[in-house]
Protein backbone atom coordinates (compact mmCIF):
# COMPACT_ATOMS: atom_id res chain seq x y z
CA UNK A 1 33.62 33.84 -16.44
CA UNK A 2 35.05 30.79 -17.62
CA UNK A 3 38.68 29.73 -17.58
CA UNK A 4 39.79 27.93 -20.71
CA UNK A 5 43.32 27.18 -19.99
CA UNK A 6 45.42 27.56 -17.02
CA UNK A 7 48.15 25.60 -18.36
CA UNK A 8 49.38 27.85 -21.24
CA UNK A 9 53.04 27.50 -22.11
CA UNK A 10 53.53 31.23 -22.31
CA UNK A 11 52.19 31.78 -18.81
CA UNK A 12 49.01 33.52 -20.09
CA UNK A 13 45.54 32.70 -18.74
CA UNK A 14 42.60 33.29 -21.05
CA UNK A 15 39.31 34.19 -19.43
CA UNK A 16 35.96 34.69 -21.50
CA UNK A 17 32.78 36.21 -20.41
CA UNK A 18 29.77 34.21 -21.58
CA UNK A 19 26.07 34.77 -21.44
CA UNK A 20 24.19 32.89 -19.07
CA UNK A 21 22.26 31.11 -21.73
CA UNK A 22 25.56 29.59 -23.06
CA UNK A 23 26.40 27.95 -19.64
CA UNK A 24 24.79 24.63 -18.76
CA UNK A 25 23.39 25.48 -15.29
CA UNK A 26 20.16 23.47 -16.13
CA UNK A 27 21.93 20.13 -15.45
CA UNK A 28 21.27 20.35 -11.55
CA UNK A 29 17.76 21.59 -12.03
CA UNK A 30 16.87 18.70 -14.47
CA UNK A 31 18.18 16.23 -11.65
CA UNK A 32 15.90 18.09 -9.21
CA UNK A 33 12.85 17.99 -11.48
CA UNK A 34 13.29 14.31 -12.28
CA UNK A 35 13.62 13.42 -8.44
CA UNK A 36 10.45 15.35 -7.64
CA UNK A 37 8.61 13.90 -10.44
CA UNK A 38 9.64 10.35 -9.50
CA UNK A 39 8.79 11.03 -5.75
CA UNK A 40 5.53 12.25 -6.82
CA UNK A 41 4.68 9.28 -9.06
CA UNK A 42 5.84 6.84 -6.38
CA UNK A 43 3.74 8.62 -3.80
CA UNK A 44 0.45 8.45 -6.02
CA UNK A 45 1.30 4.77 -6.76
CA UNK A 46 1.48 3.94 -3.05
CA UNK A 47 -1.74 5.85 -2.32
CA UNK A 48 -3.53 4.01 -5.18
CA UNK A 49 -2.25 0.70 -3.87
CA UNK A 50 -3.58 1.58 -0.39
CA UNK A 51 -7.05 2.53 -1.56
CA UNK A 52 -7.34 -0.41 -3.80
CA UNK A 53 -6.45 -2.81 -1.03
CA UNK A 54 -9.06 -1.06 1.29
CA UNK A 55 -11.82 -1.32 -1.43
CA UNK A 56 -11.01 -4.96 -1.97
CA UNK A 57 -11.43 -5.62 1.84
CA UNK A 58 -14.83 -3.66 1.89
CA UNK A 59 -16.12 -5.67 -1.07
CA UNK A 60 -15.03 -8.94 0.29
CA UNK A 61 -16.78 -8.25 3.57
CA UNK A 62 -19.97 -7.17 1.75
CA UNK A 63 -19.94 -10.25 -0.13
CA UNK A 64 -19.43 -12.40 3.03
CA UNK A 65 -22.57 -10.94 4.71
CA UNK A 66 -25.00 -13.00 2.61
CA UNK A 67 -23.03 -16.34 2.80
CA UNK A 68 -23.42 -19.07 5.34
CA UNK A 69 -20.63 -19.43 7.78
CA UNK A 70 -18.96 -22.84 8.00
CA UNK A 71 -17.49 -23.87 11.49
CA UNK A 72 -15.45 -26.89 12.37
CA UNK A 73 -17.28 -29.62 14.54
CA UNK A 74 -14.71 -29.08 17.11
CA UNK A 75 -15.88 -25.31 17.36
CA UNK A 76 -19.46 -26.41 17.56
CA UNK A 77 -18.47 -28.98 20.39
CA UNK A 78 -16.67 -26.18 22.43
CA UNK A 79 -19.61 -23.65 21.78
CA UNK A 80 -22.26 -25.99 23.06
CA UNK A 81 -20.21 -27.55 25.78
CA UNK A 82 -20.29 -31.00 23.88
CA UNK A 83 -23.92 -30.65 23.09
CA UNK A 84 -24.87 -30.56 26.59
CA UNK A 85 -27.99 -28.47 26.82
CA UNK A 86 -30.75 -29.36 24.22
CA UNK A 87 -33.26 -26.67 23.74
CA UNK A 88 -35.74 -28.60 21.27
CA UNK A 89 -35.88 -30.75 18.44
CA UNK A 90 -37.48 -30.26 15.09
CA UNK A 91 -37.72 -31.26 11.50
CA UNK A 92 -34.14 -29.97 10.81
CA UNK A 93 -32.74 -31.85 13.79
CA UNK A 94 -31.83 -30.89 17.42
CA UNK A 95 -31.08 -27.34 18.67
CA UNK A 96 -28.53 -26.83 21.62
CA UNK A 97 -27.70 -23.76 23.46
CA UNK A 98 -24.19 -22.51 22.82
CA UNK A 99 -22.09 -19.26 23.06
CA UNK A 100 -19.67 -18.37 20.39
CA UNK A 101 -16.18 -17.37 21.33
CA UNK A 102 -14.93 -17.11 17.89
CA UNK A 103 -15.30 -14.05 15.55
CA UNK A 104 -18.64 -13.80 13.74
CA UNK A 105 -18.77 -11.62 10.64
């Protein structure tokens, strides 16, 4: 039932019985549906962003496997204890013993 007027000058109140299809009860359910859809879309977006970033990291690691690694001269000095122990010499220069304490791919 729906009250149309509670402020009638003659003191009468009019009530009408309406069919459920005539009352707008879908307003709340529309809001709920919109919230659920927005949440699902946002969740899928976050999931895709995570997968994309992980794929990018894996691709960059695979690309780095075949590349030469560039070290600073200071790192080479520290690694070889300032070129202390010479193993041998050759056509490409001298070879020194050293241990890497820095990450190697």
